[in-house]
Amino acid sequence: MTVTVTLHDGECDEYSRFGDSYVKHHDGSLDVVRRGERKPHRYESGQWADVAGNEKAWKRPRLWG
């Protein structure tokens, strides 16, 4: 429910809305997905040092048949 992003300067950004989660990308960027918003908040590679909270679970489609 809470996502805390620690920046390189030691400051923290906290997202505490129910359903907030984060996604780490292979290029080093980080998206904080806020429930009810269309666009995630993006941290580019090098902008953030650590993240704690709920990592977004990707749902894979089931193959029926």
PDB file of N, CA and C in Angstrom:
ATOM      1  N   MET A   1       0.809  -1.200   0.000  1.00  0.00           N
ATOM      2  CA  MET A   1       0.000   0.000   0.000  1.00  0.00           C
ATOM      3  C   MET A   1       0.850   1.260   0.000  1.00  0.00           C
ATOM      4  N   THR A   2       1.992   1.217   0.640  1.00  0.00           N
ATOM      5  CA  THR A   2       2.868   2.379   0.670  1.00  0.00           C
ATOM      6  C   THR A   2       4.115   2.094  -0.142  1.00  0.00           C
ATOM      7  N   VAL A   3       4.521   3.064  -0.945  1.00  0.00           N
ATOM      8  CA  VAL A   3       5.761   2.968  -1.697  1.00  0.00           C
ATOM      9  C   VAL A   3       6.637   4.130  -1.258  1.00  0.00           C
ATOM     10  N   THR A   4       7.870   3.825  -0.863  1.00  0.00           N
ATOM     11  CA  THR A   4       8.823   4.856  -0.466  1.00  0.00           C
ATOM     12  C   THR A   4      10.015   4.785  -1.398  1.00  0.00           C
ATOM     13  N   VAL A   5      10.296   5.904  -2.079  1.00  0.00           N
ATOM     14  CA  VAL A   5      11.415   5.989  -3.005  1.00  0.00           C
ATOM     15  C   VAL A   5      12.477   6.861  -2.350  1.00  0.00           C
ATOM     16  N   THR A   6      13.671   6.294  -2.171  1.00  0.00           N
ATOM     17  CA  THR A   6      14.791   7.048  -1.613  1.00  0.00           C
ATOM     18  C   THR A   6      15.616   7.585  -2.771  1.00  0.00           C
ATOM     19  N   LEU A   7      15.830   8.892  -2.767  1.00  0.00           N
ATOM     20  CA  LEU A   7      16.591   9.551  -3.821  1.00  0.00           C
ATOM     21  C   LEU A   7      18.074   9.564  -3.442  1.00  0.00           C
ATOM     22  N   HIS A   8      18.942   9.867  -4.404  1.00  0.00           N
ATOM     23  CA  HIS A   8      20.379   9.849  -4.151  1.00  0.00           C
ATOM     24  C   HIS A   8      20.827  10.888  -3.135  1.00  0.00           C
ATOM     25  N   ASP A   9      20.075  11.965  -2.977  1.00  0.00           N
ATOM     26  CA  ASP A   9      20.463  12.999  -2.007  1.00  0.00           C
ATOM     27  C   ASP A   9      19.965  12.695  -0.594  1.00  0.00           C
ATOM     28  N   GLY A  10      19.347  11.517  -0.394  1.00  0.00           N
ATOM     29  CA  GLY A  10      18.871  11.114   0.921  1.00  0.00           C
ATOM     30  C   GLY A  10      17.421  11.462   1.197  1.00  0.00           C
ATOM     31  N   GLU A  11      16.808  12.272   0.363  1.00  0.00           N
ATOM     32  CA  GLU A  11      15.395  12.604   0.510  1.00  0.00           C
ATOM     33  C   GLU A  11      14.548  11.397   0.140  1.00  0.00           C
ATOM     34  N   CYS A  12      13.326  11.359   0.661  1.00  0.00           N
ATOM     35  CA  CYS A  12      12.402  10.265   0.362  1.00  0.00           C
ATOM     36  C   CYS A  12      11.093  10.826  -0.173  1.00  0.00           C
ATOM     37  N   ASP A  13      10.563  10.181  -1.185  1.00  0.00           N
ATOM     38  CA  ASP A  13       9.222  10.461  -1.687  1.00  0.00           C
ATOM     39  C   ASP A  13       8.348   9.300  -1.245  1.00  0.00           C
ATOM     40  N   GLU A  14       7.239   9.609  -0.561  1.00  0.00           N
ATOM     41  CA  GLU A  14       6.360   8.561  -0.070  1.00  0.00           C
ATOM     42  C   GLU A  14       5.001   8.645  -0.758  1.00  0.00           C
ATOM     43  N   TYR A  15       4.549   7.510  -1.235  1.00  0.00           N
ATOM     44  CA  TYR A  15       3.251   7.383  -1.877  1.00  0.00           C
ATOM     45  C   TYR A  15       2.440   6.429  -1.010  1.00  0.00           C
ATOM     46  N   SER A  16       1.371   6.925  -0.408  1.00  0.00           N
ATOM     47  CA  SER A  16       0.656   6.097   0.572  1.00  0.00           C
ATOM     48  C   SER A  16      -0.824   5.915   0.255  1.00  0.00           C
ATOM     49  N   ARG A  17      -1.185   6.045  -0.984  1.00  0.00           N
ATOM     50  CA  ARG A  17      -2.562   5.801  -1.390  1.00  0.00           C
ATOM     51  C   ARG A  17      -2.786   4.295  -1.504  1.00  0.00           C
ATOM     52  N   PHE A  18      -3.958   3.821  -1.126  1.00  0.00           N
ATOM     53  CA  PHE A  18      -4.275   2.401  -1.242  1.00  0.00           C
ATOM     54  C   PHE A  18      -4.108   1.960  -2.687  1.00  0.00           C
ATOM     55  N   GLY A  19      -3.368   0.914  -2.904  1.00  0.00           N
ATOM     56  CA  GLY A  19      -3.179   0.389  -4.247  1.00  0.00           C
ATOM     57  C   GLY A  19      -1.952   0.908  -4.952  1.00  0.00           C
ATOM     58  N   ASP A  20      -1.136   1.773  -4.311  1.00  0.00           N
ATOM     59  CA  ASP A  20       0.102   2.240  -4.926  1.00  0.00           C
ATOM     60  C   ASP A  20       1.088   1.086  -5.023  1.00  0.00           C
ATOM     61  N   SER A  21       1.830   1.044  -6.114  1.00  0.00           N
ATOM     62  CA  SER A  21       2.835   0.008  -6.304  1.00  0.00           C
ATOM     63  C   SER A  21       3.924   0.566  -7.210  1.00  0.00           C
ATOM     64  N   TYR A  22       4.995  -0.203  -7.382  1.00  0.00           N
ATOM     65  CA  TYR A  22       6.079   0.259  -8.234  1.00  0.00           C
ATOM     66  C   TYR A  22       6.490  -0.823  -9.207  1.00  0.00           C
ATOM     67  N   VAL A  23       7.159  -0.377 -10.289  1.00  0.00           N
ATOM     68  CA  VAL A  23       7.670  -1.278 -11.314  1.00  0.00           C
ATOM     69  C   VAL A  23       9.099  -0.848 -11.621  1.00  0.00           C
ATOM     70  N   LYS A  24      10.050  -1.770 -11.461  1.00  0.00           N
ATOM     71  CA  LYS A  24      11.436  -1.529 -11.859  1.00  0.00           C
ATOM     72  C   LYS A  24      11.604  -1.997 -13.296  1.00  0.00           C
ATOM     73  N   HIS A  25      12.267  -1.155 -14.113  1.00  0.00           N
ATOM     74  CA  HIS A  25      12.495  -1.499 -15.510  1.00  0.00           C
ATOM     75  C   HIS A  25      13.958  -1.896 -15.721  1.00  0.00           C
ATOM     76  N   HIS A  26      14.208  -2.653 -16.779  1.00  0.00           N
ATOM     77  CA  HIS A  26      15.555  -3.145 -17.069  1.00  0.00           C
ATOM     78  C   HIS A  26      16.545  -2.031 -17.363  1.00  0.00           C
ATOM     79  N   ASP A  27      16.064  -0.859 -17.787  1.00  0.00           N
ATOM     80  CA  ASP A  27      16.966   0.255 -18.095  1.00  0.00           C
ATOM     81  C   ASP A  27      17.330   1.067 -16.854  1.00  0.00           C
ATOM     82  N   GLY A  28      16.863   0.641 -15.666  1.00  0.00           N
ATOM     83  CA  GLY A  28      17.194   1.336 -14.427  1.00  0.00           C
ATOM     84  C   GLY A  28      16.165   2.364 -13.996  1.00  0.00           C
ATOM     85  N   SER A  29      15.140   2.566 -14.802  1.00  0.00           N
ATOM     86  CA  SER A  29      14.101   3.514 -14.423  1.00  0.00           C
ATOM     87  C   SER A  29      13.103   2.844 -13.488  1.00  0.00           C
ATOM     88  N   LEU A  30      12.289   3.671 -12.843  1.00  0.00           N
ATOM     89  CA  LEU A  30      11.316   3.193 -11.870  1.00  0.00           C
ATOM     90  C   LEU A  30      10.011   3.933 -12.095  1.00  0.00           C
ATOM     91  N   ASP A  31       8.908   3.208 -12.124  1.00  0.00           N
ATOM     92  CA  ASP A  31       7.580   3.817 -12.225  1.00  0.00           C
ATOM     93  C   ASP A  31       6.822   3.550 -10.936  1.00  0.00           C
ATOM     94  N   VAL A  32       6.221   4.602 -10.382  1.00  0.00           N
ATOM     95  CA  VAL A  32       5.318   4.447  -9.248  1.00  0.00           C
ATOM     96  C   VAL A  32       3.913   4.550  -9.814  1.00  0.00           C
ATOM     97  N   VAL A  33       3.168   3.462  -9.703  1.00  0.00           N
ATOM     98  CA  VAL A  33       1.819   3.371 -10.260  1.00  0.00           C
ATOM     99  C   VAL A  33       0.839   3.723  -9.153  1.00  0.00           C
ATOM    100  N   ARG A  34       0.102   4.810  -9.366  1.00  0.00           N
ATOM    101  CA  ARG A  34      -0.858   5.262  -8.374  1.00  0.00           C
ATOM    102  C   ARG A  34      -2.249   4.878  -8.826  1.00  0.00           C
ATOM    103  N   ARG A  35      -2.981   4.246  -7.951  1.00  0.00           N
ATOM    104  CA  ARG A  35      -4.337   3.805  -8.285  1.00  0.00           C
ATOM    105  C   ARG A  35      -5.197   5.022  -8.623  1.00  0.00           C
ATOM    106  N   GLY A  36      -5.899   4.942  -9.723  1.00  0.00           N
ATOM    107  CA  GLY A  36      -6.791   6.011 -10.136  1.00  0.00           C
ATOM    108  C   GLY A  36      -6.141   7.039 -11.045  1.00  0.00           C
ATOM    109  N   GLU A  37      -4.839   6.910 -11.322  1.00  0.00           N
ATOM    110  CA  GLU A  37      -4.162   7.839 -12.230  1.00  0.00           C
ATOM    111  C   GLU A  37      -3.748   7.090 -13.481  1.00  0.00           C
ATOM    112  N   ARG A  38      -3.810   7.776 -14.606  1.00  0.00           N
ATOM    113  CA  ARG A  38      -3.500   7.130 -15.877  1.00  0.00           C
ATOM    114  C   ARG A  38      -2.010   6.953 -16.095  1.00  0.00           C
ATOM    115  N   LYS A  39      -1.218   7.975 -15.765  1.00  0.00           N
ATOM    116  CA  LYS A  39       0.219   7.911 -16.012  1.00  0.00           C
ATOM    117  C   LYS A  39       0.960   7.682 -14.703  1.00  0.00           C
ATOM    118  N   PRO A  40       1.924   6.765 -14.707  1.00  0.00           N
ATOM    119  CA  PRO A  40       2.726   6.557 -13.499  1.00  0.00           C
ATOM    120  C   PRO A  40       3.735   7.692 -13.325  1.00  0.00           C
ATOM    121  N   HIS A  41       4.211   7.854 -12.095  1.00  0.00           N
ATOM    122  CA  HIS A  41       5.274   8.826 -11.835  1.00  0.00           C
ATOM    123  C   HIS A  41       6.590   8.126 -12.120  1.00  0.00           C
ATOM    124  N   ARG A  42       7.410   8.691 -13.013  1.00  0.00           N
ATOM    125  CA  ARG A  42       8.636   8.028 -13.465  1.00  0.00           C
ATOM    126  C   ARG A  42       9.870   8.665 -12.838  1.00  0.00           C
ATOM    127  N   TYR A  43      10.756   7.795 -12.398  1.00  0.00           N
ATOM    128  CA  TYR A  43      12.090   8.178 -11.957  1.00  0.00           C
ATOM    129  C   TYR A  43      13.058   7.572 -12.961  1.00  0.00           C
ATOM    130  N   GLU A  44      13.862   8.408 -13.580  1.00  0.00           N
ATOM    131  CA  GLU A  44      14.825   7.910 -14.554  1.00  0.00           C
ATOM    132  C   GLU A  44      15.990   7.239 -13.843  1.00  0.00           C
ATOM    133  N   SER A  45      16.746   6.465 -14.590  1.00  0.00           N
ATOM    134  CA  SER A  45      17.921   5.809 -14.050  1.00  0.00           C
ATOM    135  C   SER A  45      18.862   6.867 -13.471  1.00  0.00           C
ATOM    136  N   GLY A  46      19.319   6.659 -12.251  1.00  0.00           N
ATOM    137  CA  GLY A  46      20.208   7.614 -11.603  1.00  0.00           C
ATOM    138  C   GLY A  46      19.504   8.614 -10.708  1.00  0.00           C
ATOM    139  N   GLN A  47      18.188   8.724 -10.794  1.00  0.00           N
ATOM    140  CA  GLN A  47      17.429   9.646  -9.948  1.00  0.00           C
ATOM    141  C   GLN A  47      17.089   9.037  -8.600  1.00  0.00           C
ATOM    142  N   TRP A  48      17.038   7.725  -8.509  1.00  0.00           N
ATOM    143  CA  TRP A  48      16.605   7.072  -7.287  1.00  0.00           C
ATOM    144  C   TRP A  48      17.667   6.064  -6.852  1.00  0.00           C
ATOM    145  N   ALA A  49      17.721   5.818  -5.519  1.00  0.00           N
ATOM    146  CA  ALA A  49      18.716   4.910  -4.966  1.00  0.00           C
ATOM    147  C   ALA A  49      18.097   3.616  -4.460  1.00  0.00           C
ATOM    148  N   ASP A  50      16.889   3.695  -3.880  1.00  0.00           N
ATOM    149  CA  ASP A  50      16.249   2.521  -3.305  1.00  0.00           C
ATOM    150  C   ASP A  50      14.740   2.705  -3.343  1.00  0.00           C
ATOM    151  N   VAL A  51      14.033   1.593  -3.287  1.00  0.00           N
ATOM    152  CA  VAL A  51      12.573   1.631  -3.249  1.00  0.00           C
ATOM    153  C   VAL A  51      12.092   0.520  -2.327  1.00  0.00           C
ATOM    154  N   ALA A  52      11.047   0.813  -1.584  1.00  0.00           N
ATOM    155  CA  ALA A  52      10.439  -0.171  -0.693  1.00  0.00           C
ATOM    156  C   ALA A  52       8.930  -0.063  -0.825  1.00  0.00           C
ATOM    157  N   GLY A  53       8.252  -1.187  -0.691  1.00  0.00           N
ATOM    158  CA  GLY A  53       6.795  -1.180  -0.767  1.00  0.00           C
ATOM    159  C   GLY A  53       6.284  -2.323  -1.599  1.00  0.00           C
ATOM    160  N   ASN A  54       5.157  -2.107  -2.232  1.00  0.00           N
ATOM    161  CA  ASN A  54       4.491  -3.149  -3.013  1.00  0.00           C
ATOM    162  C   ASN A  54       4.947  -3.095  -4.460  1.00  0.00           C
ATOM    163  N   GLU A  55       5.617  -4.164  -4.892  1.00  0.00           N
ATOM    164  CA  GLU A  55       6.008  -4.252  -6.284  1.00  0.00           C
ATOM    165  C   GLU A  55       4.821  -4.751  -7.090  1.00  0.00           C
ATOM    166  N   LYS A  56       4.589  -4.137  -8.235  1.00  0.00           N
ATOM    167  CA  LYS A  56       3.432  -4.503  -9.054  1.00  0.00           C
ATOM    168  C   LYS A  56       3.611  -5.910  -9.584  1.00  0.00           C
ATOM    169  N   ALA A  57       2.593  -6.712  -9.381  1.00  0.00           N
ATOM    170  CA  ALA A  57       2.590  -8.084  -9.890  1.00  0.00           C
ATOM    171  C   ALA A  57       1.941  -8.079 -11.260  1.00  0.00           C
ATOM    172  N   TRP A  58       2.678  -8.488 -12.251  1.00  0.00           N
ATOM    173  CA  TRP A  58       2.129  -8.543 -13.603  1.00  0.00           C
ATOM    174  C   TRP A  58       1.314  -9.806 -13.756  1.00  0.00           C
ATOM    175  N   LYS A  59       0.133  -9.640 -14.278  1.00  0.00           N
ATOM    176  CA  LYS A  59      -0.746 -10.790 -14.496  1.00  0.00           C
ATOM    177  C   LYS A  59      -0.488 -11.345 -15.886  1.00  0.00           C
ATOM    178  N   ARG A  60      -0.246 -12.621 -15.936  1.00  0.00           N
ATOM    179  CA  ARG A  60      -0.035 -13.269 -17.225  1.00  0.00           C
ATOM    180  C   ARG A  60      -1.347 -13.908 -17.657  1.00  0.00           C
ATOM    181  N   PRO A  61      -1.688 -13.761 -18.922  1.00  0.00           N
ATOM    182  CA  PRO A  61      -2.938 -14.373 -19.373  1.00  0.00           C
ATOM    183  C   PRO A  61      -2.813 -15.895 -19.367  1.00  0.00           C
ATOM    184  N   ARG A  62      -3.896 -16.520 -19.002  1.00  0.00           N
ATOM    185  CA  ARG A  62      -3.928 -17.980 -19.006  1.00  0.00           C
ATOM    186  C   ARG A  62      -4.293 -18.473 -20.395  1.00  0.00           C
ATOM    187  N   LEU A  63      -3.701 -19.578 -20.746  1.00  0.00           N
ATOM    188  CA  LEU A  63      -4.023 -20.183 -22.029  1.00  0.00           C
ATOM    189  C   LEU A  63      -5.067 -21.247 -21.793  1.00  0.00           C
ATOM    190  N   TRP A  64      -6.202 -21.041 -22.373  1.00  0.00           N
ATOM    191  CA  TRP A  64      -7.300 -21.997 -22.245  1.00  0.00           C
ATOM    192  C   TRP A  64      -7.377 -22.818 -23.506  1.00  0.00           C
ATOM    193  N   GLY A  65      -7.647 -24.046 -23.345  1.00  0.00           N
ATOM    194  CA  GLY A  65      -7.890 -24.807 -24.540  1.00  0.00           C
ATOM    195  C   GLY A  65      -7.300 -26.119 -24.575  1.00  0.00           C
TER     196      GLY A  65
END
